[in-house]
Amino acid sequence: MSERPAVRSGVVQCRRDADGDERRYWNELNPELLALIFKRLPADELARTMSFVCRGWRDAVAGTYCWSEIDVEEWCRRVNRVDDIDVGVVKLVALSRGSVRRLSAYRIGNWGFSFTAVSGDHLKVLQIPMSDVNDLTLQKYSSFLRALTTLDISYCRRITSKGIEILGKCCMSLANLRRNMSPPQYESTPDNGVAAKINEYEALAVASTMFGIRELEMSFGRFSDYGLHAILTNCKELCSLDIRGCWNVQLEGNVGTRCDALKSFKDAFYDPCDPYELCHVSSDECNEDSADGVDQVI
């Protein structure tokens, strides 16, 4: 019978069996190292298959190591049913035992959100585009998201300016917000043109509560220069702004000048294929690119 390998500092020692074949006993690898490997797999596949391989792998999957970052967005898109998505999200978040730091899901419902919030003392990144979460659920559970720094609530139609205001008041560490929406309906103007109906509420909700925001995306928002001016005035830390498709913004007066002074700014008519946009990089960005050039190439 071949001798069992020794495990030292989490590394499995390779030995040859009686037939001279080299064997590695992966089931004896340190659970934390296994978790680093398993994290490269989709979370739904990890939960469904890995625990059936061997006892060591089952223990690793059952521990909290694998569930500090949960990305099930692709699985959610395949399922595309809110009730089933909530069940899956709740099961995975429960495996983290309160250690989840990042959740990326699609079309999550009120139950999935509320369970995640209550279990998310350490949650820093929450990406839930197209979710069915509403303002009432945000009012009840946003207070649990004190550590949140990055939030994506793009295309969440049941979240209004009231919900954004609640999030701003509760998530005091929030530095990155994505609130991109679908193009609005347009109405005819007296000069036979078209324009979207102006609604400043969401922009004002950001301006009145998210004073530490640094990166903000509000594509196809219906606010005008008035709402944008409020954001630029109150959000002193803002360095990146994306308002593509915000046709009501005219950038008149000093609003345009203040936007151009930001480190990164994409206006209503921004086109990533425009040669000017490709070349229009601020001096700060150029300095950072030159300093980090080696890492970027690698």
C-alpha atoms as a PDB file:
ATOM      1  CA  MET A   1       0.000   0.000   0.000  1.00  0.00           C
ATOM      2  CA  SER A   2       1.347   3.440  -0.937  1.00  0.00           C
ATOM      3  CA  GLU A   3       2.246   5.822   1.837  1.00  0.00           C
ATOM      4  CA  ARG A   4      -0.045   8.766   2.536  1.00  0.00           C
ATOM      5  CA  PRO A   5       1.526  12.159   1.769  1.00  0.00           C
ATOM      6  CA  ALA A   6       2.389  14.663   4.458  1.00  0.00           C
ATOM      7  CA  VAL A   7       0.640  18.013   4.458  1.00  0.00           C
ATOM      8  CA  ARG A   8       2.861  20.917   5.429  1.00  0.00           C
ATOM      9  CA  SER A   9       1.614  24.504   5.630  1.00  0.00           C
ATOM     10  CA  GLY A  10      -1.353  23.651   3.449  1.00  0.00           C
ATOM     11  CA  VAL A  11       0.760  22.170   0.616  1.00  0.00           C
ATOM     12  CA  VAL A  12       0.226  18.558  -0.407  1.00  0.00           C
ATOM     13  CA  GLN A  13       3.474  16.642  -0.857  1.00  0.00           C
ATOM     14  CA  CYS A  14       3.640  14.505  -4.010  1.00  0.00           C
ATOM     15  CA  ARG A  15       4.742  10.882  -3.717  1.00  0.00           C
ATOM     16  CA  ARG A  16       4.799   7.885  -5.989  1.00  0.00           C
ATOM     17  CA  ASP A  17       2.611   4.874  -5.389  1.00  0.00           C
ATOM     18  CA  ALA A  18       3.592   1.231  -5.748  1.00  0.00           C
ATOM     19  CA  ASP A  19       3.252   1.450  -9.554  1.00  0.00           C
ATOM     20  CA  GLY A  20       5.591   4.441  -9.708  1.00  0.00           C
ATOM     21  CA  ASP A  21       2.818   6.904 -10.570  1.00  0.00           C
ATOM     22  CA  GLU A  22       2.898  10.325  -8.984  1.00  0.00           C
ATOM     23  CA  ARG A  23      -0.191  11.160  -6.943  1.00  0.00           C
ATOM     24  CA  ARG A  24      -1.463  14.341  -5.372  1.00  0.00           C
ATOM     25  CA  TYR A  25      -4.018  14.131  -2.587  1.00  0.00           C
ATOM     26  CA  TRP A  26      -6.042  17.259  -3.281  1.00  0.00           C
ATOM     27  CA  ASN A  27      -8.596  16.284  -0.670  1.00  0.00           C
ATOM     28  CA  GLU A  28      -6.007  17.086   2.005  1.00  0.00           C
ATOM     29  CA  LEU A  29      -5.265  20.577   0.734  1.00  0.00           C
ATOM     30  CA  ASN A  30      -5.878  23.370   3.224  1.00  0.00           C
ATOM     31  CA  PRO A  31      -9.534  24.556   2.958  1.00  0.00           C
ATOM     32  CA  GLU A  32      -8.458  28.171   2.567  1.00  0.00           C
ATOM     33  CA  LEU A  33      -6.279  27.274  -0.424  1.00  0.00           C
ATOM     34  CA  LEU A  34      -9.095  25.205  -1.902  1.00  0.00           C
ATOM     35  CA  ALA A  35     -11.377  28.201  -1.515  1.00  0.00           C
ATOM     36  CA  LEU A  36      -8.961  30.384  -3.501  1.00  0.00           C
ATOM     37  CA  ILE A  37      -9.189  27.861  -6.335  1.00  0.00           C
ATOM     38  CA  PHE A  38     -12.956  27.377  -6.069  1.00  0.00           C
ATOM     39  CA  LYS A  39     -13.613  31.119  -6.207  1.00  0.00           C
ATOM     40  CA  ARG A  40     -12.671  31.018  -9.886  1.00  0.00           C
ATOM     41  CA  LEU A  41     -15.749  28.878 -10.561  1.00  0.00           C
ATOM     42  CA  PRO A  42     -19.271  30.271 -10.993  1.00  0.00           C
ATOM     43  CA  ALA A  43     -20.975  30.357  -7.597  1.00  0.00           C
ATOM     44  CA  ASP A  44     -23.967  28.288  -8.734  1.00  0.00           C
ATOM     45  CA  GLU A  45     -21.700  25.539 -10.115  1.00  0.00           C
ATOM     46  CA  LEU A  46     -19.596  25.595  -6.961  1.00  0.00           C
ATOM     47  CA  ALA A  47     -22.662  25.105  -4.767  1.00  0.00           C
ATOM     48  CA  ARG A  48     -24.154  22.355  -6.934  1.00  0.00           C
ATOM     49  CA  THR A  49     -21.162  20.123  -7.748  1.00  0.00           C
ATOM     50  CA  MET A  50     -17.989  20.591  -5.725  1.00  0.00           C
ATOM     51  CA  SER A  51     -19.333  19.309  -2.423  1.00  0.00           C
ATOM     52  CA  PHE A  52     -19.964  15.865  -3.953  1.00  0.00           C
ATOM     53  CA  VAL A  53     -16.350  15.212  -4.980  1.00  0.00           C
ATOM     54  CA  CYS A  54     -14.869  14.297  -1.606  1.00  0.00           C
ATOM     55  CA  ARG A  55     -15.079  15.119   2.084  1.00  0.00           C
ATOM     56  CA  GLY A  56     -12.286  17.686   1.956  1.00  0.00           C
ATOM     57  CA  TRP A  57     -13.949  19.585  -0.858  1.00  0.00           C
ATOM     58  CA  ARG A  58     -17.340  19.369   0.859  1.00  0.00           C
ATOM     59  CA  ASP A  59     -15.842  20.883   4.003  1.00  0.00           C
ATOM     60  CA  ALA A  60     -14.268  23.677   1.981  1.00  0.00           C
ATOM     61  CA  VAL A  61     -17.549  24.516   0.225  1.00  0.00           C
ATOM     62  CA  ALA A  62     -19.483  24.325   3.510  1.00  0.00           C
ATOM     63  CA  GLY A  63     -17.098  26.816   5.116  1.00  0.00           C
ATOM     64  CA  THR A  64     -17.224  30.566   4.741  1.00  0.00           C
ATOM     65  CA  TYR A  65     -14.022  30.826   2.681  1.00  0.00           C
ATOM     66  CA  CYS A  66     -15.797  30.400  -0.662  1.00  0.00           C
ATOM     67  CA  TRP A  67     -18.634  32.809  -0.046  1.00  0.00           C
ATOM     68  CA  SER A  68     -17.108  36.180   0.770  1.00  0.00           C
ATOM     69  CA  GLU A  69     -17.726  37.143  -2.876  1.00  0.00           C
ATOM     70  CA  ILE A  70     -20.858  35.835  -4.577  1.00  0.00           C
ATOM     71  CA  ASP A  71     -21.405  36.475  -8.281  1.00  0.00           C
ATOM     72  CA  VAL A  72     -24.514  34.774  -9.658  1.00  0.00           C
ATOM     73  CA  GLU A  73     -25.513  37.343 -12.263  1.00  0.00           C
ATOM     74  CA  GLU A  74     -25.104  34.956 -15.210  1.00  0.00           C
ATOM     75  CA  TRP A  75     -27.101  32.251 -13.413  1.00  0.00           C
ATOM     76  CA  CYS A  76     -29.824  34.774 -12.586  1.00  0.00           C
ATOM     77  CA  ARG A  77     -30.083  35.786 -16.233  1.00  0.00           C
ATOM     78  CA  ARG A  78     -30.526  32.156 -17.244  1.00  0.00           C
ATOM     79  CA  VAL A  79     -33.186  31.530 -14.598  1.00  0.00           C
ATOM     80  CA  ASN A  80     -34.894  34.931 -15.006  1.00  0.00           C
ATOM     81  CA  ARG A  81     -37.535  34.209 -12.341  1.00  0.00           C
ATOM     82  CA  VAL A  82     -37.522  36.392  -9.242  1.00  0.00           C
ATOM     83  CA  ASP A  83     -38.763  33.712  -6.809  1.00  0.00           C
ATOM     84  CA  ASP A  84     -36.154  31.156  -7.906  1.00  0.00           C
ATOM     85  CA  ILE A  85     -33.415  33.795  -7.896  1.00  0.00           C
ATOM     86  CA  ASP A  86     -34.293  34.809  -4.340  1.00  0.00           C
ATOM     87  CA  VAL A  87     -34.135  31.188  -3.152  1.00  0.00           C
ATOM     88  CA  GLY A  88     -30.692  30.728  -4.710  1.00  0.00           C
ATOM     89  CA  VAL A  89     -29.321  34.008  -3.372  1.00  0.00           C
ATOM     90  CA  VAL A  90     -30.600  33.321   0.148  1.00  0.00           C
ATOM     91  CA  LYS A  91     -28.971  29.867   0.182  1.00  0.00           C
ATOM     92  CA  LEU A  92     -25.594  31.206  -0.940  1.00  0.00           C
ATOM     93  CA  VAL A  93     -25.624  34.206   1.399  1.00  0.00           C
ATOM     94  CA  ALA A  94     -26.532  31.869   4.263  1.00  0.00           C
ATOM     95  CA  LEU A  95     -23.393  29.823   3.511  1.00  0.00           C
ATOM     96  CA  SER A  96     -21.278  32.939   4.120  1.00  0.00           C
ATOM     97  CA  ARG A  97     -22.541  33.144   7.715  1.00  0.00           C
ATOM     98  CA  GLY A  98     -22.407  36.913   7.648  1.00  0.00           C
ATOM     99  CA  SER A  99     -19.008  37.177   5.928  1.00  0.00           C
ATOM    100  CA  VAL A 100     -20.231  38.119   2.443  1.00  0.00           C
ATOM    101  CA  ARG A 101     -18.444  41.214   1.139  1.00  0.00           C
ATOM    102  CA  ARG A 102     -19.707  41.302  -2.451  1.00  0.00           C
ATOM    103  CA  LEU A 103     -22.953  40.195  -4.074  1.00  0.00           C
ATOM    104  CA  SER A 104     -23.687  40.483  -7.770  1.00  0.00           C
ATOM    105  CA  ALA A 105     -27.157  39.292  -8.784  1.00  0.00           C
ATOM    106  CA  TYR A 106     -29.773  40.094 -11.411  1.00  0.00           C
ATOM    107  CA  ARG A 107     -33.537  40.552 -10.840  1.00  0.00           C
ATOM    108  CA  ILE A 108     -33.250  39.911  -7.115  1.00  0.00           C
ATOM    109  CA  GLY A 109     -36.506  40.415  -5.202  1.00  0.00           C
ATOM    110  CA  ASN A 110     -37.433  41.910  -1.848  1.00  0.00           C
ATOM    111  CA  TRP A 111     -36.811  38.665   0.068  1.00  0.00           C
ATOM    112  CA  GLY A 112     -33.342  38.158  -1.410  1.00  0.00           C
ATOM    113  CA  PHE A 113     -32.413  41.771  -0.734  1.00  0.00           C
ATOM    114  CA  SER A 114     -33.712  41.816   2.840  1.00  0.00           C
ATOM    115  CA  PHE A 115     -31.943  38.569   3.752  1.00  0.00           C
ATOM    116  CA  THR A 116     -28.699  39.818   2.212  1.00  0.00           C
ATOM    117  CA  ALA A 117     -28.953  43.138   4.054  1.00  0.00           C
ATOM    118  CA  VAL A 118     -29.541  41.500   7.435  1.00  0.00           C
ATOM    119  CA  SER A 119     -26.613  39.125   6.791  1.00  0.00           C
ATOM    120  CA  GLY A 120     -24.386  41.808   5.301  1.00  0.00           C
ATOM    121  CA  ASP A 121     -22.565  43.475   8.166  1.00  0.00           C
ATOM    122  CA  HIS A 122     -19.395  43.280   6.049  1.00  0.00           C
ATOM    123  CA  LEU A 123     -21.051  43.801   2.653  1.00  0.00           C
ATOM    124  CA  LYS A 124     -19.138  46.412   0.656  1.00  0.00           C
ATOM    125  CA  VAL A 125     -20.240  45.805  -2.947  1.00  0.00           C
ATOM    126  CA  LEU A 126     -23.868  45.226  -3.932  1.00  0.00           C
ATOM    127  CA  GLN A 127     -24.705  44.935  -7.631  1.00  0.00           C
ATOM    128  CA  ILE A 128     -28.412  44.236  -8.256  1.00  0.00           C
ATOM    129  CA  PRO A 129     -29.412  45.630 -11.680  1.00  0.00           C
ATOM    130  CA  MET A 130     -33.008  45.033 -12.836  1.00  0.00           C
ATOM    131  CA  SER A 131     -34.015  44.097  -9.284  1.00  0.00           C
ATOM    132  CA  ASP A 132     -37.638  44.036  -8.080  1.00  0.00           C
ATOM    133  CA  VAL A 133     -36.706  45.700  -4.783  1.00  0.00           C
ATOM    134  CA  ASN A 134     -39.017  48.566  -3.821  1.00  0.00           C
ATOM    135  CA  ASP A 135     -38.771  51.655  -1.611  1.00  0.00           C
ATOM    136  CA  LEU A 136     -40.556  50.026   1.325  1.00  0.00           C
ATOM    137  CA  THR A 137     -38.000  47.215   1.503  1.00  0.00           C
ATOM    138  CA  LEU A 138     -35.178  49.751   1.307  1.00  0.00           C
ATOM    139  CA  GLN A 139     -36.744  51.696   4.163  1.00  0.00           C
ATOM    140  CA  LYS A 140     -36.852  48.585   6.356  1.00  0.00           C
ATOM    141  CA  TYR A 141     -33.433  47.093   5.641  1.00  0.00           C
ATOM    142  CA  SER A 142     -30.996  49.718   4.290  1.00  0.00           C
ATOM    143  CA  SER A 143     -29.835  50.516   7.815  1.00  0.00           C
ATOM    144  CA  PHE A 144     -28.008  47.164   7.835  1.00  0.00           C
ATOM    145  CA  LEU A 145     -25.791  48.255   4.909  1.00  0.00           C
ATOM    146  CA  ARG A 146     -23.535  50.567   6.864  1.00  0.00           C
ATOM    147  CA  ALA A 147     -20.324  49.200   5.309  1.00  0.00           C
ATOM    148  CA  LEU A 148     -21.525  49.485   1.696  1.00  0.00           C
ATOM    149  CA  THR A 149     -19.153  51.383  -0.613  1.00  0.00           C
ATOM    150  CA  THR A 150     -20.337  50.354  -4.104  1.00  0.00           C
ATOM    151  CA  LEU A 151     -23.970  50.053  -5.230  1.00  0.00           C
ATOM    152  CA  ASP A 152     -25.500  49.265  -8.622  1.00  0.00           C
ATOM    153  CA  ILE A 153     -29.281  49.787  -8.836  1.00  0.00           C
ATOM    154  CA  SER A 154     -29.449  50.334 -12.584  1.00  0.00           C
ATOM    155  CA  TYR A 155     -32.796  49.644 -14.295  1.00  0.00           C
ATOM    156  CA  CYS A 156     -34.537  49.090 -10.935  1.00  0.00           C
ATOM    157  CA  ARG A 157     -37.878  50.669 -11.828  1.00  0.00           C
ATOM    158  CA  ARG A 158     -39.505  50.069  -8.435  1.00  0.00           C
ATOM    159  CA  ILE A 159     -36.848  52.177  -6.705  1.00  0.00           C
ATOM    160  CA  THR A 160     -37.711  55.869  -6.817  1.00  0.00           C
ATOM    161  CA  SER A 161     -36.048  59.028  -5.589  1.00  0.00           C
ATOM    162  CA  LYS A 162     -37.392  58.216  -2.121  1.00  0.00           C
ATOM    163  CA  GLY A 163     -35.482  54.919  -2.123  1.00  0.00           C
ATOM    164  CA  ILE A 164     -32.315  56.650  -3.314  1.00  0.00           C
ATOM    165  CA  GLU A 165     -32.643  59.164  -0.479  1.00  0.00           C
ATOM    166  CA  ILE A 166     -33.054  56.321   2.032  1.00  0.00           C
ATOM    167  CA  LEU A 167     -29.935  54.601   0.700  1.00  0.00           C
ATOM    168  CA  GLY A 168     -27.963  57.832   0.878  1.00  0.00           C
ATOM    169  CA  LYS A 169     -28.913  58.417   4.504  1.00  0.00           C
ATOM    170  CA  CYS A 170     -28.187  54.835   5.603  1.00  0.00           C
ATOM    171  CA  CYS A 171     -25.111  53.971   3.526  1.00  0.00           C
ATOM    172  CA  MET A 172     -22.763  56.630   4.819  1.00  0.00           C
ATOM    173  CA  SER A 173     -19.674  54.939   3.316  1.00  0.00           C
ATOM    174  CA  LEU A 174     -21.090  54.855  -0.221  1.00  0.00           C
ATOM    175  CA  ALA A 175     -18.509  56.044  -2.761  1.00  0.00           C
ATOM    176  CA  ASN A 176     -19.672  54.510  -6.036  1.00  0.00           C
ATOM    177  CA  LEU A 177     -23.269  54.584  -7.329  1.00  0.00           C
ATOM    178  CA  ARG A 178     -24.594  53.274 -10.635  1.00  0.00           C
ATOM    179  CA  ARG A 179     -28.136  54.360 -11.425  1.00  0.00           C
ATOM    180  CA  ASN A 180     -28.337  53.917 -15.189  1.00  0.00           C
ATOM    181  CA  MET A 181     -31.805  53.686 -16.694  1.00  0.00           C
ATOM    182  CA  SER A 182     -33.467  52.911 -20.018  1.00  0.00           C
ATOM    183  CA  PRO A 183     -34.088  55.807 -22.429  1.00  0.00           C
ATOM    184  CA  PRO A 184     -37.145  57.795 -21.315  1.00  0.00           C
ATOM    185  CA  GLN A 185     -40.234  58.526 -23.357  1.00  0.00           C
ATOM    186  CA  TYR A 186     -40.038  61.744 -25.334  1.00  0.00           C
ATOM    187  CA  GLU A 187     -42.661  64.447 -25.781  1.00  0.00           C
ATOM    188  CA  SER A 188     -43.126  66.959 -28.570  1.00  0.00           C
ATOM    189  CA  THR A 189     -41.964  70.522 -27.965  1.00  0.00           C
ATOM    190  CA  PRO A 190     -43.523  73.774 -29.296  1.00  0.00           C
ATOM    191  CA  ASP A 191     -40.764  74.036 -31.925  1.00  0.00           C
ATOM    192  CA  ASN A 192     -41.625  70.550 -33.270  1.00  0.00           C
ATOM    193  CA  GLY A 193     -38.686  68.989 -31.479  1.00  0.00           C
ATOM    194  CA  VAL A 194     -38.681  66.228 -28.878  1.00  0.00           C
ATOM    195  CA  ALA A 195     -37.599  66.269 -25.236  1.00  0.00           C
ATOM    196  CA  ALA A 196     -37.865  64.078 -22.170  1.00  0.00           C
ATOM    197  CA  LYS A 197     -39.991  65.293 -19.283  1.00  0.00           C
ATOM    198  CA  ILE A 198     -37.753  66.866 -16.638  1.00  0.00           C
ATOM    199  CA  ASN A 199     -37.606  65.190 -13.220  1.00  0.00           C
ATOM    200  CA  GLU A 200     -35.033  66.480 -10.758  1.00  0.00           C
ATOM    201  CA  TYR A 201     -35.952  64.276  -7.786  1.00  0.00           C
ATOM    202  CA  GLU A 202     -33.344  61.531  -8.162  1.00  0.00           C
ATOM    203  CA  ALA A 203     -30.508  63.995  -8.760  1.00  0.00           C
ATOM    204  CA  LEU A 204     -31.590  66.031  -5.748  1.00  0.00           C
ATOM    205  CA  ALA A 205     -31.811  62.860  -3.635  1.00  0.00           C
ATOM    206  CA  VAL A 206     -28.175  62.097  -4.483  1.00  0.00           C
ATOM    207  CA  ALA A 207     -27.122  65.696  -3.836  1.00  0.00           C
ATOM    208  CA  SER A 208     -28.849  65.906  -0.453  1.00  0.00           C
ATOM    209  CA  THR A 209     -27.604  62.618   1.033  1.00  0.00           C
ATOM    210  CA  MET A 210     -24.520  61.209  -0.753  1.00  0.00           C
ATOM    211  CA  PHE A 211     -21.943  63.824   0.154  1.00  0.00           C
ATOM    212  CA  GLY A 212     -19.006  61.399  -0.062  1.00  0.00           C
ATOM    213  CA  ILE A 213     -19.833  59.946  -3.474  1.00  0.00           C
ATOM    214  CA  ARG A 214     -16.794  59.740  -5.757  1.00  0.00           C
ATOM    215  CA  GLU A 215     -18.035  57.898  -8.850  1.00  0.00           C
ATOM    216  CA  LEU A 216     -21.551  58.424 -10.166  1.00  0.00           C
ATOM    217  CA  GLU A 217     -23.343  56.984 -13.208  1.00  0.00           C
ATOM    218  CA  MET A 218     -26.830  58.256 -14.022  1.00  0.00           C
ATOM    219  CA  SER A 219     -27.228  57.531 -17.733  1.00  0.00           C
ATOM    220  CA  PHE A 220     -30.587  58.521 -19.232  1.00  0.00           C
ATOM    221  CA  GLY A 221     -31.593  60.405 -16.118  1.00  0.00           C
ATOM    222  CA  ARG A 222     -34.326  63.004 -16.614  1.00  0.00           C
ATOM    223  CA  PHE A 223     -32.727  65.762 -14.555  1.00  0.00           C
ATOM    224  CA  SER A 224     -31.538  69.084 -15.971  1.00  0.00           C
ATOM    225  CA  ASP A 225     -28.733  71.516 -15.186  1.00  0.00           C
ATOM    226  CA  TYR A 226     -30.535  72.319 -11.923  1.00  0.00           C
ATOM    227  CA  GLY A 227     -30.177  68.785 -10.552  1.00  0.00           C
ATOM    228  CA  LEU A 228     -26.653  68.428 -11.879  1.00  0.00           C
ATOM    229  CA  HIS A 229     -25.640  71.739 -10.283  1.00  0.00           C
ATOM    230  CA  ALA A 230     -26.904  70.470  -6.925  1.00  0.00           C
ATOM    231  CA  ILE A 231     -24.793  67.302  -7.263  1.00  0.00           C
ATOM    232  CA  LEU A 232     -21.662  69.244  -8.202  1.00  0.00           C
ATOM    233  CA  THR A 233     -22.209  71.659  -5.311  1.00  0.00           C
ATOM    234  CA  ASN A 234     -22.879  69.156  -2.519  1.00  0.00           C
ATOM    235  CA  CYS A 235     -20.822  66.125  -3.563  1.00  0.00           C
ATOM    236  CA  LYS A 236     -17.380  67.586  -2.976  1.00  0.00           C
ATOM    237  CA  GLU A 237     -15.553  64.262  -3.437  1.00  0.00           C
ATOM    238  CA  LEU A 238     -16.993  63.588  -6.896  1.00  0.00           C
ATOM    239  CA  CYS A 239     -14.286  62.802  -9.454  1.00  0.00           C
ATOM    240  CA  SER A 240     -16.082  60.622 -12.041  1.00  0.00           C
ATOM    241  CA  LEU A 241     -19.465  61.406 -13.613  1.00  0.00           C
ATOM    242  CA  ASP A 242     -21.370  59.643 -16.410  1.00  0.00           C
ATOM    243  CA  ILE A 243     -24.578  61.305 -17.662  1.00  0.00           C
ATOM    244  CA  ARG A 244     -24.827  59.771 -21.116  1.00  0.00           C
ATOM    245  CA  GLY A 245     -28.309  60.148 -22.547  1.00  0.00           C
ATOM    246  CA  CYS A 246     -29.354  62.876 -20.091  1.00  0.00           C
ATOM    247  CA  TRP A 247     -30.716  65.069 -22.866  1.00  0.00           C
ATOM    248  CA  ASN A 248     -32.186  67.674 -20.511  1.00  0.00           C
ATOM    249  CA  VAL A 249     -28.716  68.666 -19.336  1.00  0.00           C
ATOM    250  CA  GLN A 250     -27.438  71.634 -21.338  1.00  0.00           C
ATOM    251  CA  LEU A 251     -24.223  72.335 -19.374  1.00  0.00           C
ATOM    252  CA  GLU A 252     -24.940  76.037 -19.339  1.00  0.00           C
ATOM    253  CA  GLY A 253     -23.084  78.580 -17.209  1.00  0.00           C
ATOM    254  CA  ASN A 254     -20.431  77.174 -14.902  1.00  0.00           C
ATOM    255  CA  VAL A 255     -22.024  73.709 -14.849  1.00  0.00           C
ATOM    256  CA  GLY A 256     -20.139  72.673 -17.977  1.00  0.00           C
ATOM    257  CA  THR A 257     -16.875  74.115 -16.658  1.00  0.00           C
ATOM    258  CA  ARG A 258     -17.199  72.239 -13.363  1.00  0.00           C
ATOM    259  CA  CYS A 259     -17.954  68.998 -15.193  1.00  0.00           C
ATOM    260  CA  ASP A 260     -14.916  69.369 -17.432  1.00  0.00           C
ATOM    261  CA  ALA A 261     -12.786  69.841 -14.314  1.00  0.00           C
ATOM    262  CA  LEU A 262     -13.664  66.352 -13.092  1.00  0.00           C
ATOM    263  CA  LYS A 263     -11.155  63.582 -13.520  1.00  0.00           C
ATOM    264  CA  SER A 264     -13.586  61.654 -15.731  1.00  0.00           C
ATOM    265  CA  PHE A 265     -16.708  63.076 -17.362  1.00  0.00           C
ATOM    266  CA  LYS A 266     -19.030  61.583 -19.981  1.00  0.00           C
ATOM    267  CA  ASP A 267     -21.662  64.053 -21.156  1.00  0.00           C
ATOM    268  CA  ALA A 268     -25.077  63.370 -22.674  1.00  0.00           C
ATOM    269  CA  PHE A 269     -23.617  62.958 -26.159  1.00  0.00           C
ATOM    270  CA  TYR A 270     -20.521  60.977 -25.203  1.00  0.00           C
ATOM    271  CA  ASP A 271     -19.435  58.542 -27.912  1.00  0.00           C
ATOM    272  CA  PRO A 272     -16.660  56.090 -26.946  1.00  0.00           C
ATOM    273  CA  CYS A 273     -15.795  55.655 -30.657  1.00  0.00           C
ATOM    274  CA  ASP A 274     -15.180  59.378 -31.155  1.00  0.00           C
ATOM    275  CA  PRO A 275     -11.410  59.939 -31.714  1.00  0.00           C
ATOM    276  CA  TYR A 276     -11.622  63.120 -29.640  1.00  0.00           C
ATOM    277  CA  GLU A 277     -13.033  61.206 -26.676  1.00  0.00           C
ATOM    278  CA  LEU A 278     -10.262  58.636 -26.950  1.00  0.00           C
ATOM    279  CA  CYS A 279      -7.630  61.352 -26.829  1.00  0.00           C
ATOM    280  CA  HIS A 280      -9.324  63.573 -24.240  1.00  0.00           C
ATOM    281  CA  VAL A 281      -7.542  62.424 -21.064  1.00  0.00           C
ATOM    282  CA  SER A 282      -6.846  64.693 -18.114  1.00  0.00           C
ATOM    283  CA  SER A 283      -3.289  65.275 -16.902  1.00  0.00           C
ATOM    284  CA  ASP A 284      -3.986  63.329 -13.704  1.00  0.00           C
ATOM    285  CA  GLU A 285      -5.109  60.291 -15.697  1.00  0.00           C
ATOM    286  CA  CYS A 286      -2.028  60.546 -17.907  1.00  0.00           C
ATOM    287  CA  ASN A 287       0.219  60.587 -14.847  1.00  0.00           C
ATOM    288  CA  GLU A 288      -1.523  57.571 -13.372  1.00  0.00           C
ATOM    289  CA  ASP A 289      -1.366  55.673 -16.665  1.00  0.00           C
ATOM    290  CA  SER A 290       2.357  56.290 -17.033  1.00  0.00           C
ATOM    291  CA  ALA A 291       3.005  55.221 -13.460  1.00  0.00           C
ATOM    292  CA  ASP A 292       0.962  52.035 -13.807  1.00  0.00           C
ATOM    293  CA  GLY A 293       1.950  51.219 -17.376  1.00  0.00           C
ATOM    294  CA  VAL A 294       3.905  48.078 -16.491  1.00  0.00           C
ATOM    295  CA  ASP A 295       0.994  46.573 -14.550  1.00  0.00           C
ATOM    296  CA  GLN A 296      -1.431  47.357 -17.347  1.00  0.00           C
ATOM    297  CA  VAL A 297       0.698  45.637 -19.958  1.00  0.00           C
ATOM    298  CA  ILE A 298       1.086  42.588 -17.754  1.00  0.00           C
END
